[in-house]
Amino acid sequence: QVQLVESGGGLVQAGGSLRLSCAASGRTFSNYAMGWFRQAPGKEREFVAVISWGSGSTDYAHSVKGRFTISRDSAKNTVYLQMNSLKPEDTAVYYCAAAMRHTIVIRLYDYWGQGTQVTVSS
């Protein structure tokens, strides 16, 4: 199994930046994927970004493309979400998740962190 521990959430002004970290423990594979999702109050959880562990291939939600960057550090078994040019609408609980293949489909993610709050003030 995979265990995920998130960090890096907090408060930031609009236009600012934050970097979220997700440390994974347990066995990882070449085709394993790590994703970020977010959920705002009263809304469904939505896909933000995903990276394939082996290839480094990435996909992003349209709402964050060009502003957010997902990356990985294999030596640390850690995935990052660099969030730049933050907007108030980015305010949400951000979750790290792991899937057995590269996908944006939430139901295919088997392991989840507990989430970290990101609040962007105007």
C-alpha atoms as a PDB file:
ATOM      1  CA  GLN A   1       0.000   0.000   0.000  1.00  0.00           C
ATOM      2  CA  VAL A   2       0.892   3.660  -0.278  1.00  0.00           C
ATOM      3  CA  GLN A   3       0.708   6.243   2.454  1.00  0.00           C
ATOM      4  CA  LEU A   4       0.623   9.929   1.633  1.00  0.00           C
ATOM      5  CA  VAL A   5       1.543  12.863   3.821  1.00  0.00           C
ATOM      6  CA  GLU A   6       0.833  16.384   2.620  1.00  0.00           C
ATOM      7  CA  SER A   7       2.281  19.703   3.649  1.00  0.00           C
ATOM      8  CA  GLY A   8       2.595  23.265   2.425  1.00  0.00           C
ATOM      9  CA  GLY A   9      -0.930  24.596   2.644  1.00  0.00           C
ATOM     10  CA  GLY A  10      -1.660  27.986   4.090  1.00  0.00           C
ATOM     11  CA  LEU A  11      -2.856  31.498   3.447  1.00  0.00           C
ATOM     12  CA  VAL A  12      -1.579  33.587   0.577  1.00  0.00           C
ATOM     13  CA  GLN A  13      -2.630  36.773  -1.160  1.00  0.00           C
ATOM     14  CA  ALA A  14      -3.956  36.724  -4.686  1.00  0.00           C
ATOM     15  CA  GLY A  15      -1.081  36.650  -7.128  1.00  0.00           C
ATOM     16  CA  GLY A  16       1.150  34.871  -4.677  1.00  0.00           C
ATOM     17  CA  SER A  17       2.610  31.388  -4.672  1.00  0.00           C
ATOM     18  CA  LEU A  18       2.589  28.244  -2.605  1.00  0.00           C
ATOM     19  CA  ARG A  19       4.249  24.893  -2.999  1.00  0.00           C
ATOM     20  CA  LEU A  20       2.467  21.811  -1.768  1.00  0.00           C
ATOM     21  CA  SER A  21       4.372  18.644  -0.997  1.00  0.00           C
ATOM     22  CA  CYS A  22       3.163  15.072  -0.817  1.00  0.00           C
ATOM     23  CA  ALA A  23       5.501  12.463   0.583  1.00  0.00           C
ATOM     24  CA  ALA A  24       4.692   8.911  -0.434  1.00  0.00           C
ATOM     25  CA  SER A  25       5.768   5.829   1.444  1.00  0.00           C
ATOM     26  CA  GLY A  26       5.482   2.259   0.279  1.00  0.00           C
ATOM     27  CA  ARG A  27       6.087   0.629  -3.053  1.00  0.00           C
ATOM     28  CA  THR A  28       5.998   2.724  -6.175  1.00  0.00           C
ATOM     29  CA  PHE A  29       6.116   1.527  -9.768  1.00  0.00           C
ATOM     30  CA  SER A  30       7.152   2.912 -13.118  1.00  0.00           C
ATOM     31  CA  ASN A  31       3.573   3.474 -14.216  1.00  0.00           C
ATOM     32  CA  TYR A  32       2.352   4.757 -10.882  1.00  0.00           C
ATOM     33  CA  ALA A  33       0.685   8.147 -11.003  1.00  0.00           C
ATOM     34  CA  MET A  34       0.434  10.869  -8.413  1.00  0.00           C
ATOM     35  CA  GLY A  35      -2.299  13.437  -8.639  1.00  0.00           C
ATOM     36  CA  TRP A  36      -3.577  16.532  -6.958  1.00  0.00           C
ATOM     37  CA  PHE A  37      -7.271  17.205  -6.446  1.00  0.00           C
ATOM     38  CA  ARG A  38      -9.095  19.994  -4.698  1.00  0.00           C
ATOM     39  CA  GLN A  39     -12.467  20.522  -3.124  1.00  0.00           C
ATOM     40  CA  ALA A  40     -14.065  23.841  -2.311  1.00  0.00           C
ATOM     41  CA  PRO A  41     -16.998  24.134   0.102  1.00  0.00           C
ATOM     42  CA  GLY A  42     -20.235  22.974  -1.504  1.00  0.00           C
ATOM     43  CA  LYS A  43     -18.463  21.653  -4.582  1.00  0.00           C
ATOM     44  CA  GLU A  44     -17.376  18.251  -5.787  1.00  0.00           C
ATOM     45  CA  ARG A  45     -13.768  17.241  -5.631  1.00  0.00           C
ATOM     46  CA  GLU A  46     -12.056  18.122  -8.883  1.00  0.00           C
ATOM     47  CA  PHE A  47      -8.919  17.098 -10.686  1.00  0.00           C
ATOM     48  CA  VAL A  48      -6.027  19.538 -10.638  1.00  0.00           C
ATOM     49  CA  ALA A  49      -2.913  17.809 -11.945  1.00  0.00           C
ATOM     50  CA  VAL A  50      -1.301  14.408 -12.372  1.00  0.00           C
ATOM     51  CA  ILE A  51       2.203  13.152 -13.041  1.00  0.00           C
ATOM     52  CA  SER A  52       3.361   9.722 -14.142  1.00  0.00           C
ATOM     53  CA  TRP A  53       6.085   8.611 -11.795  1.00  0.00           C
ATOM     54  CA  GLY A  54       8.187   6.874 -14.385  1.00  0.00           C
ATOM     55  CA  SER A  55       7.880   9.075 -17.443  1.00  0.00           C
ATOM     56  CA  GLY A  56       7.137  12.396 -15.814  1.00  0.00           C
ATOM     57  CA  SER A  57       4.223  13.015 -18.157  1.00  0.00           C
ATOM     58  CA  THR A  58       1.794  15.575 -16.794  1.00  0.00           C
ATOM     59  CA  ASP A  59      -1.771  16.718 -17.269  1.00  0.00           C
ATOM     60  CA  TYR A  60      -3.512  19.717 -15.801  1.00  0.00           C
ATOM     61  CA  ALA A  61      -7.003  21.003 -15.347  1.00  0.00           C
ATOM     62  CA  HIS A  62      -7.746  23.884 -17.684  1.00  0.00           C
ATOM     63  CA  SER A  63      -8.311  26.184 -14.735  1.00  0.00           C
ATOM     64  CA  VAL A  64      -4.724  25.828 -13.512  1.00  0.00           C
ATOM     65  CA  LYS A  65      -2.790  25.281 -16.724  1.00  0.00           C
ATOM     66  CA  GLY A  66       0.056  27.751 -17.023  1.00  0.00           C
ATOM     67  CA  ARG A  67      -0.086  28.619 -13.335  1.00  0.00           C
ATOM     68  CA  PHE A  68       0.475  25.321 -11.548  1.00  0.00           C
ATOM     69  CA  THR A  69       3.316  22.875 -12.055  1.00  0.00           C
ATOM     70  CA  ILE A  70       3.401  19.319 -10.791  1.00  0.00           C
ATOM     71  CA  SER A  71       6.761  17.658 -10.327  1.00  0.00           C
ATOM     72  CA  ARG A  72       8.357  14.750  -8.546  1.00  0.00           C
ATOM     73  CA  ASP A  73      11.537  13.980  -6.669  1.00  0.00           C
ATOM     74  CA  SER A  74      12.132  10.269  -6.994  1.00  0.00           C
ATOM     75  CA  ALA A  75      14.870  10.202  -4.372  1.00  0.00           C
ATOM     76  CA  LYS A  76      12.462  11.614  -1.815  1.00  0.00           C
ATOM     77  CA  ASN A  77       9.351   9.837  -3.085  1.00  0.00           C
ATOM     78  CA  THR A  78       7.721  13.223  -3.081  1.00  0.00           C
ATOM     79  CA  VAL A  79       5.433  15.004  -5.486  1.00  0.00           C
ATOM     80  CA  TYR A  80       5.053  18.765  -5.508  1.00  0.00           C
ATOM     81  CA  LEU A  81       2.472  21.200  -6.715  1.00  0.00           C
ATOM     82  CA  GLN A  82       3.959  24.601  -7.372  1.00  0.00           C
ATOM     83  CA  MET A  83       1.099  27.077  -7.454  1.00  0.00           C
ATOM     84  CA  ASN A  84       1.776  30.503  -8.916  1.00  0.00           C
ATOM     85  CA  SER A  85      -0.465  33.450  -9.710  1.00  0.00           C
ATOM     86  CA  LEU A  86      -2.968  32.191  -7.196  1.00  0.00           C
ATOM     87  CA  LYS A  87      -6.549  33.367  -7.413  1.00  0.00           C
ATOM     88  CA  PRO A  88      -9.284  33.429  -4.769  1.00  0.00           C
ATOM     89  CA  GLU A  89     -11.084  30.714  -6.722  1.00  0.00           C
ATOM     90  CA  ASP A  90      -8.130  28.424  -6.034  1.00  0.00           C
ATOM     91  CA  THR A  91      -9.198  28.349  -2.404  1.00  0.00           C
ATOM     92  CA  ALA A  92      -9.919  24.745  -1.490  1.00  0.00           C
ATOM     93  CA  VAL A  93      -8.708  21.740   0.388  1.00  0.00           C
ATOM     94  CA  TYR A  94      -6.024  20.157  -1.756  1.00  0.00           C
ATOM     95  CA  TYR A  95      -5.583  16.404  -1.730  1.00  0.00           C
ATOM     96  CA  CYS A  96      -2.710  14.279  -2.905  1.00  0.00           C
ATOM     97  CA  ALA A  97      -3.668  10.908  -4.350  1.00  0.00           C
ATOM     98  CA  ALA A  98      -2.050   7.887  -5.964  1.00  0.00           C
ATOM     99  CA  ALA A  99      -3.284   5.708  -8.802  1.00  0.00           C
ATOM    100  CA  MET A 100      -1.946   2.639 -10.522  1.00  0.00           C
ATOM    101  CA  ARG A 101      -1.993   4.369 -13.888  1.00  0.00           C
ATOM    102  CA  HIS A 102      -1.982   7.846 -15.337  1.00  0.00           C
ATOM    103  CA  THR A 103      -5.535   9.103 -15.119  1.00  0.00           C
ATOM    104  CA  ILE A 104      -7.684  12.090 -14.229  1.00  0.00           C
ATOM    105  CA  VAL A 105     -10.565   9.872 -13.103  1.00  0.00           C
ATOM    106  CA  ILE A 106     -11.016  10.295  -9.392  1.00  0.00           C
ATOM    107  CA  ARG A 107     -12.476   6.825  -8.806  1.00  0.00           C
ATOM    108  CA  LEU A 108      -9.257   5.247 -10.057  1.00  0.00           C
ATOM    109  CA  TYR A 109      -7.196   6.788  -7.305  1.00  0.00           C
ATOM    110  CA  ASP A 110      -6.683   4.271  -4.534  1.00  0.00           C
ATOM    111  CA  TYR A 111      -4.749   6.202  -1.927  1.00  0.00           C
ATOM    112  CA  TRP A 112      -5.366   9.643  -0.525  1.00  0.00           C
ATOM    113  CA  GLY A 113      -3.778  12.091   1.815  1.00  0.00           C
ATOM    114  CA  GLN A 114      -5.835  13.914   4.402  1.00  0.00           C
ATOM    115  CA  GLY A 115      -5.799  17.193   2.543  1.00  0.00           C
ATOM    116  CA  THR A 116      -4.282  20.577   3.184  1.00  0.00           C
ATOM    117  CA  GLN A 117      -6.132  23.878   3.185  1.00  0.00           C
ATOM    118  CA  VAL A 118      -5.138  26.527   0.683  1.00  0.00           C
ATOM    119  CA  THR A 119      -6.742  29.919   1.141  1.00  0.00           C
ATOM    120  CA  VAL A 120      -6.169  32.739  -1.314  1.00  0.00           C
ATOM    121  CA  SER A 121      -7.276  36.172  -0.196  1.00  0.00           C
ATOM    122  CA  SER A 122      -8.203  38.997  -2.527  1.00  0.00           C
END
